[in-house]
Amino acid sequence: MRIPAFSSPRYLTIVRAGGWYDLFVTWPFALPWAFAWLYGLLTSVSTTLGLPGTLHPLDGTHMLLANLLGSVVVVWSIARIAAPGMLLGRLDGLARLLFAAWQIHAVAHGASAIVLGFTAFELLFGVLQWWRVSGQGATCPPQINARAPAAA
C-alpha cells in the first residue's frame, strides 16, 4: 500500500498555514505586556476547567524566556508565510515534533495540562509537514542532503 502524497502547491499551502497559525498564537509571547495578559488568561482557563498541573507565577526569567521564544517564532512564522518551501516545511515539522515532545515531558512533570491544547497543533502540523510530497524524495528534500559548493 502506497501512502498518498500531497501536491507541491498543497504542501506549500500547509507550510504557509502553519506559519499563520504560529504567528497568531505566538505573537503575544514576544511582548512582555501581551504575554502577561495571555498567561493570566491561560491560568484562569486552566483553573476554571480544573485541569491538572500548575502554572507558576511569572517572574523575570519566565518572561525573558517566553519573550525570546516568541520573538524567534514570530520571525520564523513570517519566513514561512513569505517564502514557504520544502526545506522550511521539513525543518518546521522537525521543530514541531521536538516542541511536542518537550510539552508532553513538561506536562508529565507537573506543568498544566492546558499545554496539551498547543501540543495537538504541534503534532498535526509536524506530521503534515513531514508527509510525502509528489515529485520529491521519500521525506527529505534534496536541499538538506546537498553539499554546499566549495568556496573558490
C-alpha atoms as a PDB file:
ATOM      1  CA  MET A   1       0.000   0.000   0.000  1.00  0.00           C
ATOM      2  CA  ARG A   2       1.384   3.392  -1.006  1.00  0.00           C
ATOM      3  CA  ILE A   3       0.840   6.422   1.217  1.00  0.00           C
ATOM      4  CA  PRO A   4      -0.886   9.196  -0.751  1.00  0.00           C
ATOM      5  CA  ALA A   5       1.189  12.293  -1.413  1.00  0.00           C
ATOM      6  CA  PHE A   6       0.458  15.996  -1.276  1.00  0.00           C
ATOM      7  CA  SER A   7       0.962  18.005  -4.424  1.00  0.00           C
ATOM      8  CA  SER A   8       3.723  20.606  -4.102  1.00  0.00           C
ATOM      9  CA  PRO A   9       1.229  23.524  -4.100  1.00  0.00           C
ATOM     10  CA  ARG A  10      -0.872  21.823  -1.407  1.00  0.00           C
ATOM     11  CA  TYR A  11       2.241  21.193   0.699  1.00  0.00           C
ATOM     12  CA  LEU A  12       3.304  24.842   0.423  1.00  0.00           C
ATOM     13  CA  THR A  13      -0.204  25.875   1.496  1.00  0.00           C
ATOM     14  CA  ILE A  14       0.213  23.721   4.627  1.00  0.00           C
ATOM     15  CA  VAL A  15       3.620  25.280   5.372  1.00  0.00           C
ATOM     16  CA  ARG A  16       2.137  28.772   4.983  1.00  0.00           C
ATOM     17  CA  ALA A  17      -0.906  27.833   7.144  1.00  0.00           C
ATOM     18  CA  GLY A  18       1.451  26.617   9.873  1.00  0.00           C
ATOM     19  CA  GLY A  19       3.225  29.971   9.707  1.00  0.00           C
ATOM     20  CA  TRP A  20      -0.071  31.854  10.092  1.00  0.00           C
ATOM     21  CA  TYR A  21      -1.119  29.619  12.997  1.00  0.00           C
ATOM     22  CA  ASP A  22       2.203  30.227  14.756  1.00  0.00           C
ATOM     23  CA  LEU A  23       2.047  33.975  14.163  1.00  0.00           C
ATOM     24  CA  PHE A  24      -1.486  34.176  15.556  1.00  0.00           C
ATOM     25  CA  VAL A  25      -0.752  32.033  18.620  1.00  0.00           C
ATOM     26  CA  THR A  26       2.777  33.189  19.385  1.00  0.00           C
ATOM     27  CA  TRP A  27       2.879  36.962  18.875  1.00  0.00           C
ATOM     28  CA  PRO A  28       1.765  37.604  22.498  1.00  0.00           C
ATOM     29  CA  PHE A  29       4.822  35.659  23.702  1.00  0.00           C
ATOM     30  CA  ALA A  30       7.080  38.245  22.030  1.00  0.00           C
ATOM     31  CA  LEU A  31       5.746  41.209  24.038  1.00  0.00           C
ATOM     32  CA  PRO A  32       6.015  41.338  27.850  1.00  0.00           C
ATOM     33  CA  TRP A  33       2.635  43.027  28.434  1.00  0.00           C
ATOM     34  CA  ALA A  34       0.830  40.768  25.937  1.00  0.00           C
ATOM     35  CA  PHE A  35       2.403  37.654  27.404  1.00  0.00           C
ATOM     36  CA  ALA A  36       1.438  38.692  30.947  1.00  0.00           C
ATOM     37  CA  TRP A  37      -2.180  39.083  29.747  1.00  0.00           C
ATOM     38  CA  LEU A  38      -2.124  35.728  27.870  1.00  0.00           C
ATOM     39  CA  TYR A  39      -0.547  33.916  30.820  1.00  0.00           C
ATOM     40  CA  GLY A  40      -3.240  35.284  33.115  1.00  0.00           C
ATOM     41  CA  LEU A  41      -5.917  34.136  30.650  1.00  0.00           C
ATOM     42  CA  LEU A  42      -4.400  30.641  30.396  1.00  0.00           C
ATOM     43  CA  THR A  43      -4.188  30.460  34.189  1.00  0.00           C
ATOM     44  CA  SER A  44      -7.871  31.420  34.505  1.00  0.00           C
ATOM     45  CA  VAL A  45      -8.956  28.871  31.885  1.00  0.00           C
ATOM     46  CA  SER A  46      -6.872  26.143  33.497  1.00  0.00           C
ATOM     47  CA  THR A  47      -8.303  26.937  36.940  1.00  0.00           C
ATOM     48  CA  THR A  48     -11.896  27.193  35.666  1.00  0.00           C
ATOM     49  CA  LEU A  49     -11.627  23.831  33.893  1.00  0.00           C
ATOM     50  CA  GLY A  50      -9.883  22.249  36.871  1.00  0.00           C
ATOM     51  CA  LEU A  51      -7.034  20.984  34.716  1.00  0.00           C
ATOM     52  CA  PRO A  52      -4.235  19.070  36.419  1.00  0.00           C
ATOM     53  CA  GLY A  53      -0.800  20.601  36.742  1.00  0.00           C
ATOM     54  CA  THR A  54       0.347  24.079  37.650  1.00  0.00           C
ATOM     55  CA  LEU A  55       1.075  27.400  36.002  1.00  0.00           C
ATOM     56  CA  HIS A  56       3.588  29.069  38.308  1.00  0.00           C
ATOM     57  CA  PRO A  57       3.530  32.810  38.914  1.00  0.00           C
ATOM     58  CA  LEU A  58       5.561  34.691  36.319  1.00  0.00           C
ATOM     59  CA  ASP A  59       8.949  36.044  37.258  1.00  0.00           C
ATOM     60  CA  GLY A  60      11.586  37.893  35.242  1.00  0.00           C
ATOM     61  CA  THR A  61      13.244  34.709  33.986  1.00  0.00           C
ATOM     62  CA  HIS A  62       9.949  33.194  32.787  1.00  0.00           C
ATOM     63  CA  MET A  63       9.114  36.435  30.994  1.00  0.00           C
ATOM     64  CA  LEU A  64      12.549  36.625  29.348  1.00  0.00           C
ATOM     65  CA  LEU A  65      12.381  33.046  28.077  1.00  0.00           C
ATOM     66  CA  ALA A  66       8.811  33.495  26.803  1.00  0.00           C
ATOM     67  CA  ASN A  67       9.745  36.746  25.037  1.00  0.00           C
ATOM     68  CA  LEU A  68      12.836  35.196  23.439  1.00  0.00           C
ATOM     69  CA  LEU A  69      10.832  32.177  22.250  1.00  0.00           C
ATOM     70  CA  GLY A  70       8.029  34.394  20.980  1.00  0.00           C
ATOM     71  CA  SER A  71      10.396  36.682  19.085  1.00  0.00           C
ATOM     72  CA  VAL A  72      12.122  33.810  17.300  1.00  0.00           C
ATOM     73  CA  VAL A  73       8.861  32.036  16.447  1.00  0.00           C
ATOM     74  CA  VAL A  74       7.297  35.253  15.102  1.00  0.00           C
ATOM     75  CA  VAL A  75      10.253  35.793  12.753  1.00  0.00           C
ATOM     76  CA  TRP A  76      10.241  32.092  11.762  1.00  0.00           C
ATOM     77  CA  SER A  77       6.494  32.352  11.076  1.00  0.00           C
ATOM     78  CA  ILE A  78       6.953  35.335   8.785  1.00  0.00           C
ATOM     79  CA  ALA A  79       9.665  33.454   6.862  1.00  0.00           C
ATOM     80  CA  ARG A  80       7.279  30.533   6.215  1.00  0.00           C
ATOM     81  CA  ILE A  81       4.430  32.851   5.234  1.00  0.00           C
ATOM     82  CA  ALA A  82       6.586  34.941   2.874  1.00  0.00           C
ATOM     83  CA  ALA A  83       8.624  32.135   1.290  1.00  0.00           C
ATOM     84  CA  PRO A  84       7.203  28.679   2.039  1.00  0.00           C
ATOM     85  CA  GLY A  85       9.316  25.833   0.750  1.00  0.00           C
ATOM     86  CA  MET A  86      10.139  22.177   1.241  1.00  0.00           C
ATOM     87  CA  LEU A  87      13.206  22.891   3.344  1.00  0.00           C
ATOM     88  CA  LEU A  88      11.419  25.305   5.682  1.00  0.00           C
ATOM     89  CA  GLY A  89       8.458  22.927   5.933  1.00  0.00           C
ATOM     90  CA  ARG A  90      10.595  19.932   6.829  1.00  0.00           C
ATOM     91  CA  LEU A  91      12.634  21.920   9.366  1.00  0.00           C
ATOM     92  CA  ASP A  92       9.469  23.343  10.893  1.00  0.00           C
ATOM     93  CA  GLY A  93       7.975  19.848  11.051  1.00  0.00           C
ATOM     94  CA  LEU A  94      11.024  18.655  12.969  1.00  0.00           C
ATOM     95  CA  ALA A  95      10.866  21.643  15.326  1.00  0.00           C
ATOM     96  CA  ARG A  96       7.171  20.965  15.978  1.00  0.00           C
ATOM     97  CA  LEU A  97       7.830  17.333  16.861  1.00  0.00           C
ATOM     98  CA  LEU A  98      10.544  18.487  19.278  1.00  0.00           C
ATOM     99  CA  PHE A  99       8.189  21.094  20.774  1.00  0.00           C
ATOM    100  CA  ALA A 100       5.513  18.429  21.220  1.00  0.00           C
ATOM    101  CA  ALA A 101       7.990  16.096  22.941  1.00  0.00           C
ATOM    102  CA  TRP A 102       9.064  18.827  25.389  1.00  0.00           C
ATOM    103  CA  GLN A 103       5.465  19.867  26.028  1.00  0.00           C
ATOM    104  CA  ILE A 104       4.449  16.283  26.830  1.00  0.00           C
ATOM    105  CA  HIS A 105       7.528  15.963  29.051  1.00  0.00           C
ATOM    106  CA  ALA A 106       6.605  19.169  30.893  1.00  0.00           C
ATOM    107  CA  VAL A 107       3.009  18.047  31.496  1.00  0.00           C
ATOM    108  CA  ALA A 108       4.257  14.650  32.694  1.00  0.00           C
ATOM    109  CA  HIS A 109       6.401  16.545  35.213  1.00  0.00           C
ATOM    110  CA  GLY A 110       3.695  18.816  36.604  1.00  0.00           C
ATOM    111  CA  ALA A 111       3.039  21.551  34.038  1.00  0.00           C
ATOM    112  CA  SER A 112      -0.579  22.460  33.422  1.00  0.00           C
ATOM    113  CA  ALA A 113      -2.460  20.196  31.045  1.00  0.00           C
ATOM    114  CA  ILE A 114      -3.585  23.319  29.160  1.00  0.00           C
ATOM    115  CA  VAL A 115      -0.255  22.961  27.318  1.00  0.00           C
ATOM    116  CA  LEU A 116      -1.665  19.866  25.579  1.00  0.00           C
ATOM    117  CA  GLY A 117      -4.008  22.077  23.549  1.00  0.00           C
ATOM    118  CA  PHE A 118      -0.920  23.550  21.882  1.00  0.00           C
ATOM    119  CA  THR A 119       0.629  20.085  21.600  1.00  0.00           C
ATOM    120  CA  ALA A 120      -2.232  18.841  19.434  1.00  0.00           C
ATOM    121  CA  PHE A 121      -1.486  21.526  16.816  1.00  0.00           C
ATOM    122  CA  GLU A 122       2.263  20.894  17.019  1.00  0.00           C
ATOM    123  CA  LEU A 123       1.689  17.221  16.261  1.00  0.00           C
ATOM    124  CA  LEU A 124      -0.815  17.946  13.473  1.00  0.00           C
ATOM    125  CA  PHE A 125       1.420  20.402  11.617  1.00  0.00           C
ATOM    126  CA  GLY A 126       4.530  18.330  12.398  1.00  0.00           C
ATOM    127  CA  VAL A 127       3.063  15.237  10.744  1.00  0.00           C
ATOM    128  CA  LEU A 128       1.614  17.177   7.794  1.00  0.00           C
ATOM    129  CA  GLN A 129       4.937  18.868   7.087  1.00  0.00           C
ATOM    130  CA  TRP A 130       6.725  15.518   7.044  1.00  0.00           C
ATOM    131  CA  TRP A 131       4.093  13.947   4.774  1.00  0.00           C
ATOM    132  CA  ARG A 132       5.118  12.644   1.384  1.00  0.00           C
ATOM    133  CA  VAL A 133       5.060  15.205  -1.457  1.00  0.00           C
ATOM    134  CA  SER A 134       4.658  14.042  -5.042  1.00  0.00           C
ATOM    135  CA  GLY A 135       7.763  14.513  -7.141  1.00  0.00           C
ATOM    136  CA  GLN A 136      10.002  14.679  -4.062  1.00  0.00           C
ATOM    137  CA  GLY A 137      12.115  12.028  -2.377  1.00  0.00           C
ATOM    138  CA  ALA A 138      10.764   9.836   0.404  1.00  0.00           C
ATOM    139  CA  THR A 139      10.734  12.537   3.083  1.00  0.00           C
ATOM    140  CA  CYS A 140      13.848  14.648   2.858  1.00  0.00           C
ATOM    141  CA  PRO A 141      14.086  17.438   0.271  1.00  0.00           C
ATOM    142  CA  PRO A 142      17.259  17.414  -1.826  1.00  0.00           C
ATOM    143  CA  GLN A 143      18.392  20.754  -0.343  1.00  0.00           C
ATOM    144  CA  ILE A 144      19.012  19.148   3.053  1.00  0.00           C
ATOM    145  CA  ASN A 145      21.241  16.440   1.600  1.00  0.00           C
ATOM    146  CA  ALA A 146      23.053  18.596  -0.935  1.00  0.00           C
ATOM    147  CA  ARG A 147      26.583  19.715  -0.167  1.00  0.00           C
ATOM    148  CA  ALA A 148      27.321  23.415  -0.341  1.00  0.00           C
ATOM    149  CA  PRO A 149      29.606  24.326  -3.249  1.00  0.00           C
ATOM    150  CA  ALA A 150      33.228  24.766  -2.265  1.00  0.00           C
ATOM    151  CA  ALA A 151      34.434  28.345  -1.910  1.00  0.00           C
ATOM    152  CA  ALA A 152      36.744  29.493  -4.663  1.00  0.00           C
END
